[in-house]
Protein backbone atom coordinates (compact mmCIF):
# COMPACT_ATOMS: atom_id res chain seq x y z
CA MET A 1 25.08 -102.99 109.48
CA ASP A 2 27.77 -105.62 109.84
CA TYR A 3 28.03 -108.72 107.69
CA GLU A 4 27.19 -111.29 110.41
CA LEU A 5 24.06 -109.40 111.44
CA GLN A 6 22.86 -109.17 107.81
CA ILE A 7 23.17 -112.94 107.38
CA GLY A 8 21.52 -113.57 110.75
CA LEU A 9 18.57 -111.31 109.99
CA LYS A 10 18.01 -113.01 106.63
CA ILE A 11 18.06 -116.45 108.25
CA LYS A 12 15.64 -115.26 110.93
CA ALA A 13 13.30 -113.75 108.31
CA CYS A 14 13.23 -117.03 106.36
CA ARG A 15 12.59 -118.99 109.55
CA THR A 16 9.73 -116.76 110.71
CA ASP A 17 8.22 -116.65 107.19
CA ARG A 18 7.94 -120.44 107.43
CA GLY A 19 6.48 -120.35 110.94
CA MET A 20 9.42 -122.33 112.32
CA THR A 21 10.67 -122.05 115.88
CA MET A 22 14.36 -121.69 116.60
CA LYS A 23 14.36 -125.18 118.06
CA GLU A 24 12.77 -126.69 114.92
CA LEU A 25 15.25 -125.01 112.58
CA ALA A 26 18.21 -125.85 114.79
CA GLU A 27 17.22 -129.52 114.86
CA GLN A 28 16.75 -129.68 111.09
CA ALA A 29 20.08 -127.89 110.52
CA GLN A 30 21.85 -130.06 113.09
CA ILE A 31 23.06 -127.12 115.19
CA THR A 32 22.19 -126.04 118.71
CA PRO A 33 19.38 -123.57 119.38
CA SER A 34 21.86 -121.30 121.19
CA MET A 35 24.13 -121.27 118.10
CA LEU A 36 21.13 -120.36 115.92
CA SER A 37 20.17 -117.59 118.36
CA GLN A 38 23.69 -116.16 118.20
CA ILE A 39 23.68 -116.34 114.38
CA GLU A 40 20.31 -114.59 114.12
CA LYS A 41 21.51 -111.81 116.47
CA GLY A 42 24.76 -111.35 114.53
CA GLN A 43 26.78 -112.49 117.55
CA ALA A 44 28.34 -115.49 115.76
CA ASN A 45 30.10 -115.82 112.46
CA PRO A 46 28.70 -119.06 110.99
CA SER A 47 30.87 -121.27 108.81
CA LEU A 48 29.89 -121.92 105.21
CA ASN A 49 28.95 -125.44 106.21
CA THR A 50 26.57 -124.11 108.90
CA ILE A 51 25.01 -121.70 106.39
CA ARG A 52 24.67 -124.60 103.94
CA LEU A 53 22.87 -126.69 106.60
CA LEU A 54 20.55 -123.77 107.43
CA SER A 55 19.80 -123.10 103.75
CA LYS A 56 18.95 -126.77 103.23
CA ALA A 57 16.70 -126.84 106.30
CA LEU A 58 14.97 -123.64 105.12
CA ASN A 59 14.80 -124.85 101.50
CA GLU A 60 16.45 -121.62 100.36
CA PRO A 61 19.43 -121.22 98.02
CA MET A 62 22.54 -120.49 100.08
CA PHE A 63 23.40 -117.43 97.97
CA ARG A 64 20.25 -115.68 99.25
CA PHE A 65 21.92 -115.09 102.60
CA PHE A 66 24.87 -113.32 100.96
CA MET A 67 22.90 -111.00 98.68
CA ASP A 68 22.49 -107.33 99.44
CA GLU A 69 18.99 -106.13 100.07
CA VAL A 70 17.10 -105.92 96.83
CA SER A 71 15.48 -102.71 95.72
CA VAL A 72 11.72 -102.76 95.24
CA GLU A 73 12.44 -101.64 91.69
CA ASN A 74 13.91 -105.11 91.05
CA ASP A 75 10.44 -106.57 91.66
CA VAL A 76 8.88 -104.39 88.95
CA VAL A 77 8.63 -105.76 85.42
CA ARG A 78 8.06 -102.98 82.92
CA GLY A 79 5.72 -103.87 80.05
CA ASP A 80 8.38 -103.24 77.43
CA LYS A 81 11.06 -105.19 79.34
CA ARG A 82 9.32 -108.53 79.84
CA LYS A 83 11.15 -111.72 78.91
CA HIS A 84 9.58 -113.67 76.04
CA ILE A 85 10.00 -117.25 74.97
CA ILE A 86 8.52 -117.84 71.52
CA GLU A 87 8.40 -121.35 70.14
CA ASN A 88 6.12 -123.22 67.69
CA GLY A 89 3.46 -120.49 67.56
CA ILE A 90 3.42 -120.07 71.35
CA ASP A 91 4.44 -116.82 73.02
CA TYR A 92 5.22 -117.08 76.75
CA GLU A 93 5.75 -113.75 78.50
CA MET A 94 7.13 -113.64 82.06
CA LEU A 95 5.18 -111.31 84.35
CA THR A 96 7.29 -112.01 87.43
CA PRO A 97 10.85 -110.66 87.49
CA ASP A 98 12.43 -114.05 88.21
CA MET A 99 11.73 -117.46 89.70
CA CYS A 100 13.16 -116.70 93.13
CA GLY A 101 9.80 -116.20 94.83
CA ASN A 102 7.04 -118.64 95.68
CA LEU A 103 4.92 -117.75 92.65
CA GLU A 104 5.42 -117.18 88.96
CA MET A 105 3.03 -115.52 86.54
CA ILE A 106 3.17 -115.88 82.79
CA THR A 107 0.97 -115.01 79.85
CA MET A 108 0.66 -117.51 77.04
CA THR A 109 -0.58 -116.59 73.59
CA LEU A 110 -1.53 -119.30 71.09
CA LYS A 111 -2.24 -118.77 67.40
CA PRO A 112 -5.37 -120.47 66.02
CA GLY A 113 -4.91 -124.24 66.04
CA ALA A 114 -1.73 -124.09 68.14
CA VAL A 115 -1.29 -126.39 71.13
CA SER A 116 0.92 -125.83 74.19
CA CYS A 117 2.32 -129.36 73.95
CA GLU A 118 1.46 -132.44 71.89
CA GLN A 119 1.12 -134.73 74.92
CA PRO A 120 -0.41 -133.33 78.13
CA MET A 121 2.29 -132.75 80.73
CA SER A 122 2.24 -132.44 84.50
CA HIS A 123 4.35 -130.53 86.99
CA ILE A 124 4.66 -130.10 90.71
CA GLY A 125 2.73 -127.09 91.91
CA GLU A 126 -0.74 -125.73 91.59
CA GLU A 127 -1.66 -123.59 88.60
CA VAL A 128 -4.47 -121.08 88.15
CA ALA A 129 -5.25 -119.69 84.70
CA LEU A 130 -7.50 -116.85 83.51
CA ILE A 131 -8.50 -116.73 79.84
CA LEU A 132 -7.92 -113.15 78.66
CA SER A 133 -9.12 -113.55 75.07
CA GLY A 134 -10.20 -116.20 72.62
CA THR A 135 -11.43 -119.76 73.11
CA VAL A 136 -9.28 -122.63 74.35
CA GLU A 137 -9.68 -126.33 74.88
CA LEU A 138 -8.04 -127.51 78.08
CA LEU A 139 -7.12 -131.19 78.06
CA LEU A 140 -7.08 -132.15 81.73
CA GLU A 141 -6.04 -135.79 82.24
CA HIS A 142 -8.71 -137.54 80.13
CA ASN A 143 -11.22 -134.65 80.09
CA SER A 144 -11.72 -131.84 77.60
CA ILE A 145 -13.03 -128.48 78.81
CA THR A 146 -13.78 -125.46 76.61
CA LEU A 147 -12.95 -122.13 78.23
CA TYR A 148 -13.81 -118.62 77.02
CA ALA A 149 -12.51 -115.14 77.79
CA GLY A 150 -13.19 -114.39 81.45
CA ASP A 151 -13.22 -118.06 82.54
CA SER A 152 -10.64 -119.29 85.03
CA VAL A 153 -9.52 -122.73 86.13
CA ARG A 154 -7.37 -124.29 88.84
CA ILE A 155 -5.13 -127.20 87.87
CA LYS A 156 -3.94 -129.23 90.80
CA SER A 157 -0.37 -130.42 91.19
CA LYS A 158 0.79 -133.34 89.00
CA ILE A 159 -2.35 -133.31 86.79
CA LYS A 160 -1.46 -133.78 83.10
CA HIS A 161 -2.77 -130.93 80.97
CA SER A 162 -2.35 -129.04 77.71
CA TRP A 163 -3.96 -126.05 75.99
CA ARG A 164 -5.27 -125.89 72.39
CA ASN A 165 -6.57 -122.74 70.69
CA ILE A 166 -9.80 -123.86 69.05
CA GLY A 167 -10.89 -120.38 67.97
CA ASP A 168 -10.31 -118.33 64.80
CA SER A 169 -8.18 -115.68 66.53
CA GLU A 170 -5.28 -115.60 68.95
CA MET A 171 -6.02 -116.91 72.41
CA SER A 172 -4.30 -115.39 75.42
CA LEU A 173 -4.32 -116.47 79.04
CA VAL A 174 -2.44 -115.59 82.17
CA PHE A 175 -1.41 -118.29 84.59
CA ALA A 176 0.17 -118.39 88.02
CA VAL A 177 2.12 -121.39 89.27
CA SER A 178 3.27 -122.07 92.80
CA PRO A 179 6.01 -123.06 93.28
CA PRO A 180 7.68 -121.71 90.13
CA ASN A 181 8.72 -124.36 87.63
CA PHE A 182 8.49 -122.89 84.13
């Protein structure tokens, strides 16, 4: 498959994944619909500036259009190969292979008495957490909620929150955030 067609197919896939018409993308990227059609069919060799405009309109990093197809194996995270961030008694373990998708999943393990952050923090993106073991206090804005193994909670975007292990043993939870921001 030639280079122009590979780029065109990737642009088309991003556009259709977002439910955008050719006309909508062309307008946002400030190019003509016929130019976009030729790019998507591999009949035109777009300039870097045109690719930059398309990546901005699609909210995709420009490099994505130049990458070779990724093997499914790159989406697998082996249990013994997970990335860990350990700080102040908190162990974060990445379950997703990277932050290039629309979702990230992480486990967090807190030692007894440990807190995820001293002051509740917020972030853009919705979060869903499932308590795997232990007991945790979730500070959610000005509310305190006690959660036990098996409980789950949704935290809406921009809501300040923090986690505190209030049990006598390690507490572990898994959370998913969309879009990724860890």
